Amino acid sequence: MIRSRAHQLWLHEGQPEGRALEHWLTAQREHAANEVAAPWYDRAFAGPEIDWMRRVLWKPQPFVATH
C-alpha cells in the first residue's frame, strides 16, 4: 500500500530523480493517519483533558534532604 502510494506521488510530481525517500515517508504518514488502529479519541478535543491530567498526576514533589 505504501509503495503504491509513493509511486503515485512520484508520478504526480513528474517522476523527479532523487526524491524516493521523501515520497516514501509521505506515503507512510498518509497511511498512519488513515490507519484503523488510530487513537479512539480526537486529539484536538482531548488537549485540555490531557493538560489537566498532567498537572494533577505529575506534580513536582517537594525536595527533602536526607543526611
PDB file of N, CA and C in Angstrom:
ATOM      1  N   MET A   1       0.818  -1.172   0.000  1.00  0.00           N
ATOM      2  CA  MET A   1       0.000   0.000   0.000  1.00  0.00           C
ATOM      3  C   MET A   1       0.879   1.261   0.000  1.00  0.00           C
ATOM      4  N   ILE A   2       1.890   1.268   0.852  1.00  0.00           N
ATOM      5  CA  ILE A   2       2.773   2.437   0.924  1.00  0.00           C
ATOM      6  C   ILE A   2       3.567   2.581  -0.359  1.00  0.00           C
ATOM      7  N   ARG A   3       4.058   1.469  -0.877  1.00  0.00           N
ATOM      8  CA  ARG A   3       4.834   1.523  -2.119  1.00  0.00           C
ATOM      9  C   ARG A   3       3.991   2.052  -3.268  1.00  0.00           C
ATOM     10  N   SER A   4       2.757   1.604  -3.339  1.00  0.00           N
ATOM     11  CA  SER A   4       1.857   2.063  -4.403  1.00  0.00           C
ATOM     12  C   SER A   4       1.582   3.561  -4.288  1.00  0.00           C
ATOM     13  N   ARG A   5       1.342   4.041  -3.058  1.00  0.00           N
ATOM     14  CA  ARG A   5       1.073   5.474  -2.867  1.00  0.00           C
ATOM     15  C   ARG A   5       2.317   6.302  -3.163  1.00  0.00           C
ATOM     16  N   ALA A   6       3.488   5.824  -2.758  1.00  0.00           N
ATOM     17  CA  ALA A   6       4.734   6.534  -3.050  1.00  0.00           C
ATOM     18  C   ALA A   6       4.941   6.635  -4.558  1.00  0.00           C
ATOM     19  N   HIS A   7       4.606   5.561  -5.260  1.00  0.00           N
ATOM     20  CA  HIS A   7       4.723   5.567  -6.722  1.00  0.00           C
ATOM     21  C   HIS A   7       3.750   6.582  -7.336  1.00  0.00           C
ATOM     22  N   GLN A   8       2.537   6.643  -6.822  1.00  0.00           N
ATOM     23  CA  GLN A   8       1.565   7.628  -7.311  1.00  0.00           C
ATOM     24  C   GLN A   8       2.069   9.055  -7.097  1.00  0.00           C
ATOM     25  N   LEU A   9       2.641   9.311  -5.932  1.00  0.00           N
ATOM     26  CA  LEU A   9       3.185  10.639  -5.650  1.00  0.00           C
ATOM     27  C   LEU A   9       4.306  10.986  -6.621  1.00  0.00           C
ATOM     28  N   TRP A  10       5.157  10.023  -6.871  1.00  0.00           N
ATOM     29  CA  TRP A  10       6.275  10.205  -7.801  1.00  0.00           C
ATOM     30  C   TRP A  10       5.773  10.530  -9.198  1.00  0.00           C
ATOM     31  N   LEU A  11       4.764   9.777  -9.654  1.00  0.00           N
ATOM     32  CA  LEU A  11       4.198  10.042 -10.972  1.00  0.00           C
ATOM     33  C   LEU A  11       3.527  11.408 -11.026  1.00  0.00           C
ATOM     34  N   HIS A  12       2.797  11.747  -9.991  1.00  0.00           N
ATOM     35  CA  HIS A  12       2.077  13.023  -9.939  1.00  0.00           C
ATOM     36  C   HIS A  12       3.037  14.214 -10.005  1.00  0.00           C
ATOM     37  N   GLU A  13       4.226  14.058  -9.429  1.00  0.00           N
ATOM     38  CA  GLU A  13       5.203  15.147  -9.419  1.00  0.00           C
ATOM     39  C   GLU A  13       6.109  15.146 -10.644  1.00  0.00           C
ATOM     40  N   GLY A  14       5.811  14.309 -11.625  1.00  0.00           N
ATOM     41  CA  GLY A  14       6.577  14.310 -12.865  1.00  0.00           C
ATOM     42  C   GLY A  14       7.814  13.445 -12.856  1.00  0.00           C
ATOM     43  N   GLN A  15       7.838  12.433 -12.009  1.00  0.00           N
ATOM     44  CA  GLN A  15       8.911  11.451 -11.920  1.00  0.00           C
ATOM     45  C   GLN A  15      10.283  12.078 -11.638  1.00  0.00           C
ATOM     46  N   PRO A  16      10.379  12.910 -10.587  1.00  0.00           N
ATOM     47  CA  PRO A  16      11.667  13.548 -10.288  1.00  0.00           C
ATOM     48  C   PRO A  16      12.684  12.546  -9.746  1.00  0.00           C
ATOM     49  N   GLU A  17      13.935  12.794 -10.049  1.00  0.00           N
ATOM     50  CA  GLU A  17      15.021  11.939  -9.576  1.00  0.00           C
ATOM     51  C   GLU A  17      15.418  12.333  -8.152  1.00  0.00           C
ATOM     52  N   GLY A  18      15.805  11.345  -7.335  1.00  0.00           N
ATOM     53  CA  GLY A  18      16.372  11.598  -6.029  1.00  0.00           C
ATOM     54  C   GLY A  18      15.392  11.971  -4.927  1.00  0.00           C
ATOM     55  N   ARG A  19      14.099  11.727  -5.122  1.00  0.00           N
ATOM     56  CA  ARG A  19      13.121  12.082  -4.090  1.00  0.00           C
ATOM     57  C   ARG A  19      12.336  10.874  -3.609  1.00  0.00           C
ATOM     58  N   ALA A  20      12.895   9.703  -3.788  1.00  0.00           N
ATOM     59  CA  ALA A  20      12.203   8.467  -3.423  1.00  0.00           C
ATOM     60  C   ALA A  20      11.908   8.416  -1.926  1.00  0.00           C
ATOM     61  N   LEU A  21      12.875   8.793  -1.111  1.00  0.00           N
ATOM     62  CA  LEU A  21      12.677   8.748   0.339  1.00  0.00           C
ATOM     63  C   LEU A  21      11.570   9.715   0.761  1.00  0.00           C
ATOM     64  N   GLU A  22      11.549  10.891   0.190  1.00  0.00           N
ATOM     65  CA  GLU A  22      10.504  11.872   0.512  1.00  0.00           C
ATOM     66  C   GLU A  22       9.121  11.318   0.175  1.00  0.00           C
ATOM     67  N   HIS A  23       8.994  10.704  -0.999  1.00  0.00           N
ATOM     68  CA  HIS A  23       7.711  10.125  -1.397  1.00  0.00           C
ATOM     69  C   HIS A  23       7.325   8.965  -0.479  1.00  0.00           C
ATOM     70  N   TRP A  24       8.292   8.152  -0.109  1.00  0.00           N
ATOM     71  CA  TRP A  24       8.023   7.014   0.763  1.00  0.00           C
ATOM     72  C   TRP A  24       7.530   7.489   2.129  1.00  0.00           C
ATOM     73  N   LEU A  25       8.220   8.486   2.699  1.00  0.00           N
ATOM     74  CA  LEU A  25       7.834   8.992   4.022  1.00  0.00           C
ATOM     75  C   LEU A  25       6.472   9.673   3.990  1.00  0.00           C
ATOM     76  N   THR A  26       6.171  10.375   2.914  1.00  0.00           N
ATOM     77  CA  THR A  26       4.853  10.995   2.772  1.00  0.00           C
ATOM     78  C   THR A  26       3.777   9.924   2.720  1.00  0.00           C
ATOM     79  N   ALA A  27       4.021   8.874   1.968  1.00  0.00           N
ATOM     80  CA  ALA A  27       3.059   7.773   1.875  1.00  0.00           C
ATOM     81  C   ALA A  27       2.882   7.094   3.227  1.00  0.00           C
ATOM     82  N   GLN A  28       3.972   6.928   3.979  1.00  0.00           N
ATOM     83  CA  GLN A  28       3.870   6.335   5.314  1.00  0.00           C
ATOM     84  C   GLN A  28       3.027   7.191   6.242  1.00  0.00           C
ATOM     85  N   ARG A  29       3.246   8.516   6.222  1.00  0.00           N
ATOM     86  CA  ARG A  29       2.465   9.420   7.074  1.00  0.00           C
ATOM     87  C   ARG A  29       0.982   9.368   6.708  1.00  0.00           C
ATOM     88  N   GLU A  30       0.680   9.344   5.411  1.00  0.00           N
ATOM     89  CA  GLU A  30      -0.718   9.254   4.977  1.00  0.00           C
ATOM     90  C   GLU A  30      -1.349   7.956   5.464  1.00  0.00           C
ATOM     91  N   HIS A  31      -0.604   6.877   5.347  1.00  0.00           N
ATOM     92  CA  HIS A  31      -1.111   5.571   5.779  1.00  0.00           C
ATOM     93  C   HIS A  31      -1.355   5.552   7.281  1.00  0.00           C
ATOM     94  N   ALA A  32      -0.420   6.103   8.051  1.00  0.00           N
ATOM     95  CA  ALA A  32      -0.568   6.132   9.515  1.00  0.00           C
ATOM     96  C   ALA A  32      -1.768   6.985   9.923  1.00  0.00           C
ATOM     97  N   ALA A  33      -2.021   8.065   9.194  1.00  0.00           N
ATOM     98  CA  ALA A  33      -3.145   8.940   9.524  1.00  0.00           C
ATOM     99  C   ALA A  33      -4.482   8.260   9.260  1.00  0.00           C
ATOM    100  N   ASN A  34      -4.510   7.343   8.303  1.00  0.00           N
ATOM    101  CA  ASN A  34      -5.752   6.668   7.936  1.00  0.00           C
ATOM    102  C   ASN A  34      -5.866   5.266   8.503  1.00  0.00           C
ATOM    103  N   GLU A  35      -4.886   4.861   9.295  1.00  0.00           N
ATOM    104  CA  GLU A  35      -4.858   3.503   9.821  1.00  0.00           C
ATOM    105  C   GLU A  35      -6.009   3.267  10.800  1.00  0.00           C
ATOM    106  N   VAL A  36      -6.536   2.071  10.777  1.00  0.00           N
ATOM    107  CA  VAL A  36      -7.655   1.704  11.642  1.00  0.00           C
ATOM    108  C   VAL A  36      -7.249   1.763  13.110  1.00  0.00           C
ATOM    109  N   ALA A  37      -6.009   1.489  13.408  1.00  0.00           N
ATOM    110  CA  ALA A  37      -5.545   1.466  14.786  1.00  0.00           C
ATOM    111  C   ALA A  37      -5.236   2.859  15.319  1.00  0.00           C
ATOM    112  N   ALA A  38      -5.760   3.884  14.686  1.00  0.00           N
ATOM    113  CA  ALA A  38      -5.550   5.251  15.161  1.00  0.00           C
ATOM    114  C   ALA A  38      -6.219   5.415  16.527  1.00  0.00           C
ATOM    115  N   PRO A  39      -5.788   6.400  17.294  1.00  0.00           N
ATOM    116  CA  PRO A  39      -6.396   6.607  18.618  1.00  0.00           C
ATOM    117  C   PRO A  39      -7.904   6.784  18.521  1.00  0.00           C
ATOM    118  N   TRP A  40      -8.611   6.311  19.529  1.00  0.00           N
ATOM    119  CA  TRP A  40     -10.069   6.381  19.520  1.00  0.00           C
ATOM    120  C   TRP A  40     -10.573   7.773  19.861  1.00  0.00           C
ATOM    121  N   TYR A  41      -9.711   8.619  20.372  1.00  0.00           N
ATOM    122  CA  TYR A  41     -10.135   9.956  20.756  1.00  0.00           C
ATOM    123  C   TYR A  41      -9.646  10.990  19.746  1.00  0.00           C
ATOM    124  N   ASP A  42     -10.283  12.123  19.749  1.00  0.00           N
ATOM    125  CA  ASP A  42      -9.879  13.229  18.894  1.00  0.00           C
ATOM    126  C   ASP A  42      -8.825  14.029  19.646  1.00  0.00           C
ATOM    127  N   ARG A  43      -7.625  14.087  19.111  1.00  0.00           N
ATOM    128  CA  ARG A  43      -6.529  14.743  19.817  1.00  0.00           C
ATOM    129  C   ARG A  43      -6.828  16.219  20.081  1.00  0.00           C
ATOM    130  N   ALA A  44      -7.497  16.891  19.155  1.00  0.00           N
ATOM    131  CA  ALA A  44      -7.806  18.306  19.348  1.00  0.00           C
ATOM    132  C   ALA A  44      -8.749  18.498  20.534  1.00  0.00           C
ATOM    133  N   PHE A  45      -9.694  17.593  20.705  1.00  0.00           N
ATOM    134  CA  PHE A  45     -10.661  17.696  21.791  1.00  0.00           C
ATOM    135  C   PHE A  45     -10.040  17.282  23.120  1.00  0.00           C
ATOM    136  N   ALA A  46      -9.149  16.309  23.078  1.00  0.00           N
ATOM    137  CA  ALA A  46      -8.575  15.761  24.308  1.00  0.00           C
ATOM    138  C   ALA A  46      -7.487  16.644  24.894  1.00  0.00           C
ATOM    139  N   GLY A  47      -7.050  17.671  24.182  1.00  0.00           N
ATOM    140  CA  GLY A  47      -5.967  18.528  24.651  1.00  0.00           C
ATOM    141  C   GLY A  47      -6.155  19.066  26.054  1.00  0.00           C
ATOM    142  N   PRO A  48      -7.286  19.754  26.360  1.00  0.00           N
ATOM    143  CA  PRO A  48      -7.460  20.281  27.718  1.00  0.00           C
ATOM    144  C   PRO A  48      -7.482  19.191  28.788  1.00  0.00           C
ATOM    145  N   GLU A  49      -8.065  18.052  28.483  1.00  0.00           N
ATOM    146  CA  GLU A  49      -8.111  16.958  29.457  1.00  0.00           C
ATOM    147  C   GLU A  49      -6.711  16.420  29.731  1.00  0.00           C
ATOM    148  N   ILE A  50      -5.911  16.297  28.690  1.00  0.00           N
ATOM    149  CA  ILE A  50      -4.544  15.808  28.862  1.00  0.00           C
ATOM    150  C   ILE A  50      -3.739  16.793  29.695  1.00  0.00           C
ATOM    151  N   ASP A  51      -3.904  18.097  29.426  1.00  0.00           N
ATOM    152  CA  ASP A  51      -3.201  19.100  30.226  1.00  0.00           C
ATOM    153  C   ASP A  51      -3.590  18.997  31.690  1.00  0.00           C
ATOM    154  N   TRP A  52      -4.874  18.813  31.969  1.00  0.00           N
ATOM    155  CA  TRP A  52      -5.354  18.685  33.337  1.00  0.00           C
ATOM    156  C   TRP A  52      -4.738  17.455  34.004  1.00  0.00           C
ATOM    157  N   MET A  53      -4.704  16.338  33.287  1.00  0.00           N
ATOM    158  CA  MET A  53      -4.147  15.108  33.852  1.00  0.00           C
ATOM    159  C   MET A  53      -2.662  15.276  34.160  1.00  0.00           C
ATOM    160  N   ARG A  54      -1.943  15.960  33.285  1.00  0.00           N
ATOM    161  CA  ARG A  54      -0.523  16.188  33.543  1.00  0.00           C
ATOM    162  C   ARG A  54      -0.324  17.010  34.811  1.00  0.00           C
ATOM    163  N   ARG A  55      -1.127  18.055  34.979  1.00  0.00           N
ATOM    164  CA  ARG A  55      -0.999  18.888  36.169  1.00  0.00           C
ATOM    165  C   ARG A  55      -1.305  18.101  37.436  1.00  0.00           C
ATOM    166  N   VAL A  56      -2.319  17.242  37.393  1.00  0.00           N
ATOM    167  CA  VAL A  56      -2.736  16.501  38.580  1.00  0.00           C
ATOM    168  C   VAL A  56      -1.798  15.335  38.881  1.00  0.00           C
ATOM    169  N   LEU A  57      -1.435  14.589  37.873  1.00  0.00           N
ATOM    170  CA  LEU A  57      -0.675  13.360  38.091  1.00  0.00           C
ATOM    171  C   LEU A  57       0.829  13.571  38.215  1.00  0.00           C
ATOM    172  N   TRP A  58       1.352  14.589  37.570  1.00  0.00           N
ATOM    173  CA  TRP A  58       2.793  14.765  37.562  1.00  0.00           C
ATOM    174  C   TRP A  58       3.210  16.048  38.252  1.00  0.00           C
ATOM    175  N   LYS A  59       2.622  16.293  39.417  1.00  0.00           N
ATOM    176  CA  LYS A  59       3.019  17.463  40.194  1.00  0.00           C
ATOM    177  C   LYS A  59       4.409  17.212  40.753  1.00  0.00           C
ATOM    178  N   PRO A  60       5.253  18.236  40.756  1.00  0.00           N
ATOM    179  CA  PRO A  60       6.582  18.050  41.348  1.00  0.00           C
ATOM    180  C   PRO A  60       6.470  17.806  42.843  1.00  0.00           C
ATOM    181  N   GLN A  61       7.279  16.931  43.319  1.00  0.00           N
ATOM    182  CA  GLN A  61       7.289  16.601  44.744  1.00  0.00           C
ATOM    183  C   GLN A  61       8.278  17.525  45.457  1.00  0.00           C
ATOM    184  N   PRO A  62       7.987  17.880  46.688  1.00  0.00           N
ATOM    185  CA  PRO A  62       8.916  18.738  47.429  1.00  0.00           C
ATOM    186  C   PRO A  62      10.235  18.013  47.681  1.00  0.00           C
ATOM    187  N   PHE A  63      11.283  18.773  47.653  1.00  0.00           N
ATOM    188  CA  PHE A  63      12.612  18.211  47.888  1.00  0.00           C
ATOM    189  C   PHE A  63      12.841  18.042  49.387  1.00  0.00           C
ATOM    190  N   VAL A  64      13.239  16.878  49.786  1.00  0.00           N
ATOM    191  CA  VAL A  64      13.532  16.611  51.190  1.00  0.00           C
ATOM    192  C   VAL A  64      14.968  16.099  51.254  1.00  0.00           C
ATOM    193  N   ALA A  65      15.804  16.864  51.915  1.00  0.00           N
ATOM    194  CA  ALA A  65      17.202  16.473  52.041  1.00  0.00           C
ATOM    195  C   ALA A  65      17.340  15.425  53.131  1.00  0.00           C
ATOM    196  N   THR A  66      18.065  14.381  52.848  1.00  0.00           N
ATOM    197  CA  THR A  66      18.332  13.358  53.858  1.00  0.00           C
ATOM    198  C   THR A  66      19.835  13.299  54.082  1.00  0.00           C
ATOM    199  N   HIS A  67      20.227  13.119  55.314  1.00  0.00           N
ATOM    200  CA  HIS A  67      21.654  13.077  55.646  1.00  0.00           C
ATOM    201  C   HIS A  67      22.068  11.679  55.963  1.00  0.00           C
TER     202      HIS A  67
END
